PDB file of all heavy atoms in Angstrom:
ATOM      1  N   PHE A   1       0.793  -1.280   0.092  1.00  0.00           N
ATOM      2  CA  PHE A   1       0.060  -0.004   0.022  1.00  0.00           C
ATOM      3  C   PHE A   1       0.878   1.215  -0.056  1.00  0.00           C
ATOM      4  O   PHE A   1       0.276   2.358  -0.014  1.00  0.00           O
ATOM      5  CB  PHE A   1      -0.927   0.047   1.269  1.00  0.00           C
ATOM      6  CG  PHE A   1      -2.192  -0.556   0.989  1.00  0.00           C
ATOM      7  CD1 PHE A   1      -2.620  -1.716   1.657  1.00  0.00           C
ATOM      8  CD2 PHE A   1      -3.170   0.039   0.248  1.00  0.00           C
ATOM      9  CE1 PHE A   1      -3.942  -2.307   1.503  1.00  0.00           C
ATOM     10  CE2 PHE A   1      -4.446  -0.463  -0.010  1.00  0.00           C
ATOM     11  CZ  PHE A   1      -4.840  -1.722   0.744  1.00  0.00           C
ATOM     12  N   ASP A   2       2.120   1.115   0.038  1.00  0.00           N
ATOM     13  CA  ASP A   2       3.031   2.294   0.247  1.00  0.00           C
ATOM     14  C   ASP A   2       3.266   2.883  -1.110  1.00  0.00           C
ATOM     15  O   ASP A   2       4.393   2.984  -1.689  1.00  0.00           O
ATOM     16  CB  ASP A   2       4.494   1.771   0.855  1.00  0.00           C
ATOM     17  CG  ASP A   2       5.357   3.009   1.343  1.00  0.00           C
ATOM     18  OD1 ASP A   2       4.725   4.072   1.518  1.00  0.00           O
ATOM     19  OD2 ASP A   2       6.505   2.851   1.190  1.00  0.00           O
ATOM     20  N   PHE A   3       2.355   3.614  -1.618  1.00  0.00           N
ATOM     21  CA  PHE A   3       2.416   4.389  -2.796  1.00  0.00           C
ATOM     22  C   PHE A   3       1.333   5.502  -2.823  1.00  0.00           C
ATOM     23  O   PHE A   3       0.318   5.401  -2.072  1.00  0.00           O
ATOM     24  CB  PHE A   3       2.265   3.542  -4.051  1.00  0.00           C
ATOM     25  CG  PHE A   3       0.936   2.841  -4.292  1.00  0.00           C
ATOM     26  CD1 PHE A   3      -0.012   3.469  -4.975  1.00  0.00           C
ATOM     27  CD2 PHE A   3       0.676   1.657  -3.679  1.00  0.00           C
ATOM     28  CE1 PHE A   3      -1.321   2.801  -5.204  1.00  0.00           C
ATOM     29  CE2 PHE A   3      -0.532   1.004  -3.744  1.00  0.00           C
ATOM     30  CZ  PHE A   3      -1.496   1.697  -4.608  1.00  0.00           C
ATOM     31  N   THR A   4       1.507   6.492  -3.739  1.00  0.00           N
ATOM     32  CA  THR A   4       0.428   7.549  -3.781  1.00  0.00           C
ATOM     33  C   THR A   4      -0.488   7.163  -5.009  1.00  0.00           C
ATOM     34  O   THR A   4      -0.098   6.863  -6.102  1.00  0.00           O
ATOM     35  CB  THR A   4       1.092   8.844  -4.217  1.00  0.00           C
ATOM     36  OG1 THR A   4       1.972   9.282  -3.157  1.00  0.00           O
ATOM     37  CG2 THR A   4       0.074   9.970  -4.434  1.00  0.00           C
ATOM     38  N   GLN A   5      -1.872   7.059  -4.619  1.00  0.00           N
ATOM     39  CA  GLN A   5      -2.862   6.706  -5.573  1.00  0.00           C
ATOM     40  C   GLN A   5      -3.753   7.925  -5.870  1.00  0.00           C
ATOM     41  O   GLN A   5      -4.319   8.496  -5.078  1.00  0.00           O
ATOM     42  CB  GLN A   5      -3.690   5.530  -4.865  1.00  0.00           C
ATOM     43  CG  GLN A   5      -4.797   5.102  -5.767  1.00  0.00           C
ATOM     44  CD  GLN A   5      -4.300   4.312  -7.075  1.00  0.00           C
ATOM     45  OE1 GLN A   5      -3.799   3.183  -6.971  1.00  0.00           O
ATOM     46  NE2 GLN A   5      -4.305   5.049  -8.134  1.00  0.00           N
ATOM     47  N   SER A   6      -3.827   8.087  -7.168  1.00  0.00           N
ATOM     48  CA  SER A   6      -4.639   9.114  -7.658  1.00  0.00           C
ATOM     49  C   SER A   6      -5.946   8.508  -8.360  1.00  0.00           C
ATOM     50  O   SER A   6      -5.883   7.414  -8.940  1.00  0.00           O
ATOM     51  CB  SER A   6      -3.967  10.002  -8.733  1.00  0.00           C
ATOM     52  OG  SER A   6      -4.811  10.934  -9.289  1.00  0.00           O
ATOM     53  N   SER A   7      -7.118   9.237  -8.149  1.00  0.00           N
ATOM     54  CA  SER A   7      -8.259   8.886  -8.989  1.00  0.00           C
ATOM     55  C   SER A   7      -8.168   9.560 -10.340  1.00  0.00           C
ATOM     56  O   SER A   7      -7.331  10.368 -10.655  1.00  0.00           O
ATOM     57  CB  SER A   7      -9.513   9.434  -8.317  1.00  0.00           C
ATOM     58  OG  SER A   7      -9.613  10.728  -8.200  1.00  0.00           O
ATOM     59  N   VAL A   8      -9.127   9.225 -11.307  1.00  0.00           N
ATOM     60  CA  VAL A   8      -9.192   9.888 -12.478  1.00  0.00           C
ATOM     61  C   VAL A   8      -9.821  11.254 -12.321  1.00  0.00           C
ATOM     62  O   VAL A   8     -10.773  11.419 -11.535  1.00  0.00           O
ATOM     63  CB  VAL A   8     -10.256   9.029 -13.523  1.00  0.00           C
ATOM     64  CG1 VAL A   8     -10.363   9.738 -14.770  1.00  0.00           C
ATOM     65  CG2 VAL A   8      -9.603   7.707 -13.638  1.00  0.00           C
ATOM     66  N   PRO A   9      -9.190  12.252 -12.953  1.00  0.00           N
ATOM     67  CA  PRO A   9      -9.720  13.658 -12.599  1.00  0.00           C
ATOM     68  C   PRO A   9     -11.066  13.996 -13.330  1.00  0.00           C
ATOM     69  O   PRO A   9     -11.375  13.470 -14.383  1.00  0.00           O
ATOM     70  CB  PRO A   9      -8.600  14.623 -13.282  1.00  0.00           C
ATOM     71  CG  PRO A   9      -7.967  13.738 -14.207  1.00  0.00           C
ATOM     72  CD  PRO A   9      -8.070  12.292 -13.721  1.00  0.00           C
ATOM     73  N   GLN A  10     -11.746  14.832 -12.736  1.00  0.00           N
ATOM     74  CA  GLN A  10     -13.014  15.447 -13.252  1.00  0.00           C
ATOM     75  C   GLN A  10     -12.684  16.796 -13.629  1.00  0.00           C
ATOM     76  O   GLN A  10     -12.251  17.637 -12.871  1.00  0.00           O
ATOM     77  CB  GLN A  10     -14.076  15.413 -12.230  1.00  0.00           C
ATOM     78  CG  GLN A  10     -15.407  16.055 -12.804  1.00  0.00           C
ATOM     79  CD  GLN A  10     -16.481  16.095 -11.728  1.00  0.00           C
ATOM     80  OE1 GLN A  10     -16.306  16.643 -10.603  1.00  0.00           O
ATOM     81  NE2 GLN A  10     -17.762  15.588 -11.999  1.00  0.00           N
ATOM     82  N   LYS A  11     -12.791  17.149 -14.976  1.00  0.00           N
ATOM     83  CA  LYS A  11     -12.401  18.423 -15.547  1.00  0.00           C
ATOM     84  C   LYS A  11     -13.594  19.394 -15.535  1.00  0.00           C
ATOM     85  O   LYS A  11     -14.672  18.984 -15.979  1.00  0.00           O
ATOM     86  CB  LYS A  11     -11.949  18.327 -16.878  1.00  0.00           C
ATOM     87  CG  LYS A  11     -11.431  19.505 -17.486  1.00  0.00           C
ATOM     88  CD  LYS A  11     -10.876  19.414 -18.970  1.00  0.00           C
ATOM     89  CE  LYS A  11     -10.424  20.681 -19.525  1.00  0.00           C
ATOM     90  NZ  LYS A  11      -9.888  20.334 -20.859  1.00  0.00           N
ATOM     91  N   ARG A  12     -13.517  20.486 -14.879  1.00  0.00           N
ATOM     92  CA  ARG A  12     -14.500  21.552 -14.871  1.00  0.00           C
ATOM     93  C   ARG A  12     -13.910  22.831 -15.293  1.00  0.00           C
ATOM     94  O   ARG A  12     -13.158  23.450 -14.492  1.00  0.00           O
ATOM     95  CB  ARG A  12     -15.201  21.639 -13.487  1.00  0.00           C
ATOM     96  CG  ARG A  12     -15.953  20.414 -12.994  1.00  0.00           C
ATOM     97  CD  ARG A  12     -17.099  19.982 -13.992  1.00  0.00           C
ATOM     98  NE  ARG A  12     -18.063  19.186 -13.369  1.00  0.00           N
ATOM     99  CZ  ARG A  12     -18.923  18.433 -14.084  1.00  0.00           C
ATOM    100  NH1 ARG A  12     -18.843  18.588 -15.453  1.00  0.00           N
ATOM    101  NH2 ARG A  12     -19.799  17.652 -13.587  1.00  0.00           N
ATOM    102  N   GLY A  13     -14.120  23.317 -16.481  1.00  0.00           N
ATOM    103  CA  GLY A  13     -13.424  24.494 -16.983  1.00  0.00           C
ATOM    104  C   GLY A  13     -11.904  24.247 -17.027  1.00  0.00           C
ATOM    105  O   GLY A  13     -11.513  23.339 -17.732  1.00  0.00           O
ATOM    106  N   ASP A  14     -11.167  25.138 -16.432  1.00  0.00           N
ATOM    107  CA  ASP A  14      -9.733  24.940 -16.304  1.00  0.00           C
ATOM    108  C   ASP A  14      -9.265  24.187 -15.011  1.00  0.00           C
ATOM    109  O   ASP A  14      -8.057  24.061 -14.753  1.00  0.00           O
ATOM    110  CB  ASP A  14      -8.980  26.230 -16.388  1.00  0.00           C
ATOM    111  CG  ASP A  14      -9.124  26.830 -17.800  1.00  0.00           C
ATOM    112  OD1 ASP A  14      -9.242  26.126 -18.764  1.00  0.00           O
ATOM    113  OD2 ASP A  14      -9.247  28.056 -17.874  1.00  0.00           O
ATOM    114  N   ARG A  15     -10.246  23.714 -14.208  1.00  0.00           N
ATOM    115  CA  ARG A  15      -9.860  23.028 -12.991  1.00  0.00           C
ATOM    116  C   ARG A  15     -10.086  21.606 -13.133  1.00  0.00           C
ATOM    117  O   ARG A  15     -10.984  21.061 -13.710  1.00  0.00           O
ATOM    118  CB  ARG A  15     -10.890  23.577 -11.865  1.00  0.00           C
ATOM    119  CG  ARG A  15     -10.514  25.053 -11.343  1.00  0.00           C
ATOM    120  CD  ARG A  15     -11.403  25.567 -10.356  1.00  0.00           C
ATOM    121  NE  ARG A  15     -10.839  26.756  -9.711  1.00  0.00           N
ATOM    122  CZ  ARG A  15     -11.545  27.663  -9.026  1.00  0.00           C
ATOM    123  NH1 ARG A  15     -12.930  27.376  -8.806  1.00  0.00           N
ATOM    124  NH2 ARG A  15     -11.019  28.716  -8.415  1.00  0.00           N
ATOM    125  N   TYR A  16      -9.237  20.901 -12.489  1.00  0.00           N
ATOM    126  CA  TYR A  16      -9.115  19.385 -12.492  1.00  0.00           C
ATOM    127  C   TYR A  16      -9.233  18.964 -11.075  1.00  0.00           C
ATOM    128  O   TYR A  16      -8.405  19.202 -10.253  1.00  0.00           O
ATOM    129  CB  TYR A  16      -7.902  18.968 -13.190  1.00  0.00           C
ATOM    130  CG  TYR A  16      -7.823  19.240 -14.517  1.00  0.00           C
ATOM    131  CD1 TYR A  16      -7.337  20.603 -14.913  1.00  0.00           C
ATOM    132  CD2 TYR A  16      -7.939  18.283 -15.616  1.00  0.00           C
ATOM    133  CE1 TYR A  16      -7.266  20.821 -16.346  1.00  0.00           C
ATOM    134  CE2 TYR A  16      -7.784  18.625 -16.950  1.00  0.00           C
ATOM    135  CZ  TYR A  16      -7.399  19.852 -17.246  1.00  0.00           C
ATOM    136  OH  TYR A  16      -7.401  20.229 -18.593  1.00  0.00           O
ATOM    137  N   PHE A  17     -10.325  18.252 -10.776  1.00  0.00           N
ATOM    138  CA  PHE A  17     -10.658  17.631  -9.408  1.00  0.00           C
ATOM    139  C   PHE A  17     -10.335  16.200  -9.329  1.00  0.00           C
ATOM    140  O   PHE A  17     -10.743  15.387 -10.223  1.00  0.00           O
ATOM    141  CB  PHE A  17     -11.988  17.957  -9.020  1.00  0.00           C
ATOM    142  CG  PHE A  17     -12.410  19.471  -8.936  1.00  0.00           C
ATOM    143  CD1 PHE A  17     -12.815  20.058 -10.120  1.00  0.00           C
ATOM    144  CD2 PHE A  17     -12.394  20.113  -7.816  1.00  0.00           C
ATOM    145  CE1 PHE A  17     -13.234  21.342 -10.072  1.00  0.00           C
ATOM    146  CE2 PHE A  17     -12.832  21.496  -7.721  1.00  0.00           C
ATOM    147  CZ  PHE A  17     -13.277  22.033  -8.840  1.00  0.00           C
ATOM    148  N   HIS A  18      -9.574  15.686  -8.285  1.00  0.00           N
ATOM    149  CA  HIS A  18      -9.288  14.386  -8.107  1.00  0.00           C
ATOM    150  C   HIS A  18      -8.900  14.012  -6.802  1.00  0.00           C
ATOM    151  O   HIS A  18      -8.586  14.932  -5.894  1.00  0.00           O
ATOM    152  CB  HIS A  18      -8.096  13.939  -9.081  1.00  0.00           C
ATOM    153  CG  HIS A  18      -6.818  14.658  -8.780  1.00  0.00           C
ATOM    154  ND1 HIS A  18      -5.787  14.026  -8.038  1.00  0.00           N
ATOM    155  CD2 HIS A  18      -6.319  15.849  -9.023  1.00  0.00           C
ATOM    156  CE1 HIS A  18      -4.786  14.813  -7.901  1.00  0.00           C
ATOM    157  NE2 HIS A  18      -5.059  15.921  -8.502  1.00  0.00           N
ATOM    158  N   THR A  19      -8.900  12.844  -6.378  1.00  0.00           N
ATOM    159  CA  THR A  19      -8.517  12.359  -4.988  1.00  0.00           C
ATOM    160  C   THR A  19      -7.107  11.864  -5.078  1.00  0.00           C
ATOM    161  O   THR A  19      -6.654  11.389  -6.073  1.00  0.00           O
ATOM    162  CB  THR A  19      -9.399  11.308  -4.406  1.00  0.00           C
ATOM    163  OG1 THR A  19      -9.438  10.253  -5.263  1.00  0.00           O
ATOM    164  CG2 THR A  19     -10.863  11.842  -4.257  1.00  0.00           C
ATOM    165  N   LEU A  20      -6.415  11.978  -3.904  1.00  0.00           N
ATOM    166  CA  LEU A  20      -5.070  11.343  -3.759  1.00  0.00           C
ATOM    167  C   LEU A  20      -5.105  10.760  -2.292  1.00  0.00           C
ATOM    168  O   LEU A  20      -5.531  11.386  -1.383  1.00  0.00           O
ATOM    169  CB  LEU A  20      -3.995  12.394  -3.701  1.00  0.00           C
ATOM    170  CG  LEU A  20      -3.509  12.948  -5.077  1.00  0.00           C
ATOM    171  CD1 LEU A  20      -2.433  13.967  -4.896  1.00  0.00           C
ATOM    172  CD2 LEU A  20      -2.850  11.747  -5.870  1.00  0.00           C
ATOM    173  N   ARG A  21      -4.496   9.578  -2.292  1.00  0.00           N
ATOM    174  CA  ARG A  21      -4.171   8.910  -0.942  1.00  0.00           C
ATOM    175  C   ARG A  21      -2.711   8.770  -0.824  1.00  0.00           C
ATOM    176  O   ARG A  21      -2.122   7.942  -1.682  1.00  0.00           O
ATOM    177  CB  ARG A  21      -4.890   7.509  -0.775  1.00  0.00           C
ATOM    178  CG  ARG A  21      -4.724   7.068   0.627  1.00  0.00           C
ATOM    179  CD  ARG A  21      -5.277   5.589   0.789  1.00  0.00           C
ATOM    180  NE  ARG A  21      -4.438   4.741   0.015  1.00  0.00           N
ATOM    181  CZ  ARG A  21      -3.269   4.313   0.330  1.00  0.00           C
ATOM    182  NH1 ARG A  21      -2.606   4.633   1.468  1.00  0.00           N
ATOM    183  NH2 ARG A  21      -2.573   3.490  -0.487  1.00  0.00           N
ATOM    184  N   LEU A  22      -2.162   9.467  -0.019  1.00  0.00           N
ATOM    185  CA  LEU A  22      -0.653   9.385   0.148  1.00  0.00           C
ATOM    186  C   LEU A  22      -0.309   8.239   1.036  1.00  0.00           C
ATOM    187  O   LEU A  22      -1.102   7.767   1.782  1.00  0.00           O
ATOM    188  CB  LEU A  22      -0.135  10.757   0.754  1.00  0.00           C
ATOM    189  CG  LEU A  22      -0.445  11.946   0.017  1.00  0.00           C
ATOM    190  CD1 LEU A  22       0.075  13.240   0.652  1.00  0.00           C
ATOM    191  CD2 LEU A  22       0.009  11.919  -1.522  1.00  0.00           C
ATOM    192  N   PRO A  23       0.959   7.761   0.988  1.00  0.00           N
ATOM    193  CA  PRO A  23       1.255   6.611   1.780  1.00  0.00           C
ATOM    194  C   PRO A  23       1.020   6.806   3.383  1.00  0.00           C
ATOM    195  O   PRO A  23       1.354   7.907   3.783  1.00  0.00           O
ATOM    196  CB  PRO A  23       2.920   6.499   1.546  1.00  0.00           C
ATOM    197  CG  PRO A  23       3.076   7.088   0.156  1.00  0.00           C
ATOM    198  CD  PRO A  23       2.050   8.155   0.031  1.00  0.00           C
ATOM    199  N   GLY A  24       0.377   5.870   3.914  1.00  0.00           N
ATOM    200  CA  GLY A  24       0.197   5.897   5.369  1.00  0.00           C
ATOM    201  C   GLY A  24      -1.058   6.691   5.695  1.00  0.00           C
ATOM    202  O   GLY A  24      -1.584   6.672   6.862  1.00  0.00           O
ATOM    203  N   GLN A  25      -1.816   7.288   4.776  1.00  0.00           N
ATOM    204  CA  GLN A  25      -3.094   8.061   5.082  1.00  0.00           C
ATOM    205  C   GLN A  25      -4.184   7.020   5.183  1.00  0.00           C
ATOM    206  O   GLN A  25      -4.219   6.168   4.372  1.00  0.00           O
ATOM    207  CB  GLN A  25      -3.306   9.087   3.960  1.00  0.00           C
ATOM    208  CG  GLN A  25      -2.305  10.346   4.093  1.00  0.00           C
ATOM    209  CD  GLN A  25      -2.735  11.347   3.229  1.00  0.00           C
ATOM    210  OE1 GLN A  25      -3.447  11.158   2.244  1.00  0.00           O
ATOM    211  NE2 GLN A  25      -2.229  12.608   3.473  1.00  0.00           N
ATOM    212  N   GLN A  26      -5.121   7.359   6.123  1.00  0.00           N
ATOM    213  CA  GLN A  26      -6.240   6.461   6.328  1.00  0.00           C
ATOM    214  C   GLN A  26      -7.255   6.522   5.178  1.00  0.00           C
ATOM    215  O   GLN A  26      -7.899   5.616   4.736  1.00  0.00           O
ATOM    216  CB  GLN A  26      -6.845   6.750   7.659  1.00  0.00           C
ATOM    217  CG  GLN A  26      -6.017   6.520   8.889  1.00  0.00           C
ATOM    218  CD  GLN A  26      -5.564   5.103   8.940  1.00  0.00           C
ATOM    219  OE1 GLN A  26      -6.356   4.182   8.754  1.00  0.00           O
ATOM    220  NE2 GLN A  26      -4.286   4.892   9.361  1.00  0.00           N
ATOM    221  N   GLN A  27      -7.451   7.798   4.725  1.00  0.00           N
ATOM    222  CA  GLN A  27      -8.410   8.152   3.692  1.00  0.00           C
ATOM    223  C   GLN A  27      -7.876   8.876   2.602  1.00  0.00           C
ATOM    224  O   GLN A  27      -6.905   9.671   2.882  1.00  0.00           O
ATOM    225  CB  GLN A  27      -9.557   8.829   4.354  1.00  0.00           C
ATOM    226  CG  GLN A  27     -10.340   8.125   5.551  1.00  0.00           C
ATOM    227  CD  GLN A  27     -11.193   6.939   5.078  1.00  0.00           C
ATOM    228  OE1 GLN A  27     -11.411   6.763   3.826  1.00  0.00           O
ATOM    229  NE2 GLN A  27     -11.618   6.178   6.026  1.00  0.00           N
ATOM    230  N   ALA A  28      -8.450   8.929   1.401  1.00  0.00           N
ATOM    231  CA  ALA A  28      -8.114   9.698   0.351  1.00  0.00           C
ATOM    232  C   ALA A  28      -8.615  11.098   0.497  1.00  0.00           C
ATOM    233  O   ALA A  28      -9.593  11.264   1.177  1.00  0.00           O
ATOM    234  CB  ALA A  28      -8.711   9.145  -1.041  1.00  0.00           C
TER     235      ALA A  28
END
């Protein structure tokens, strides 16, 4: 589990929204 996991981004205008779970974090 020791890696950074990104979700697929949602593009809204010039903004890109996505989740990240960094190593050791309980939640994204």
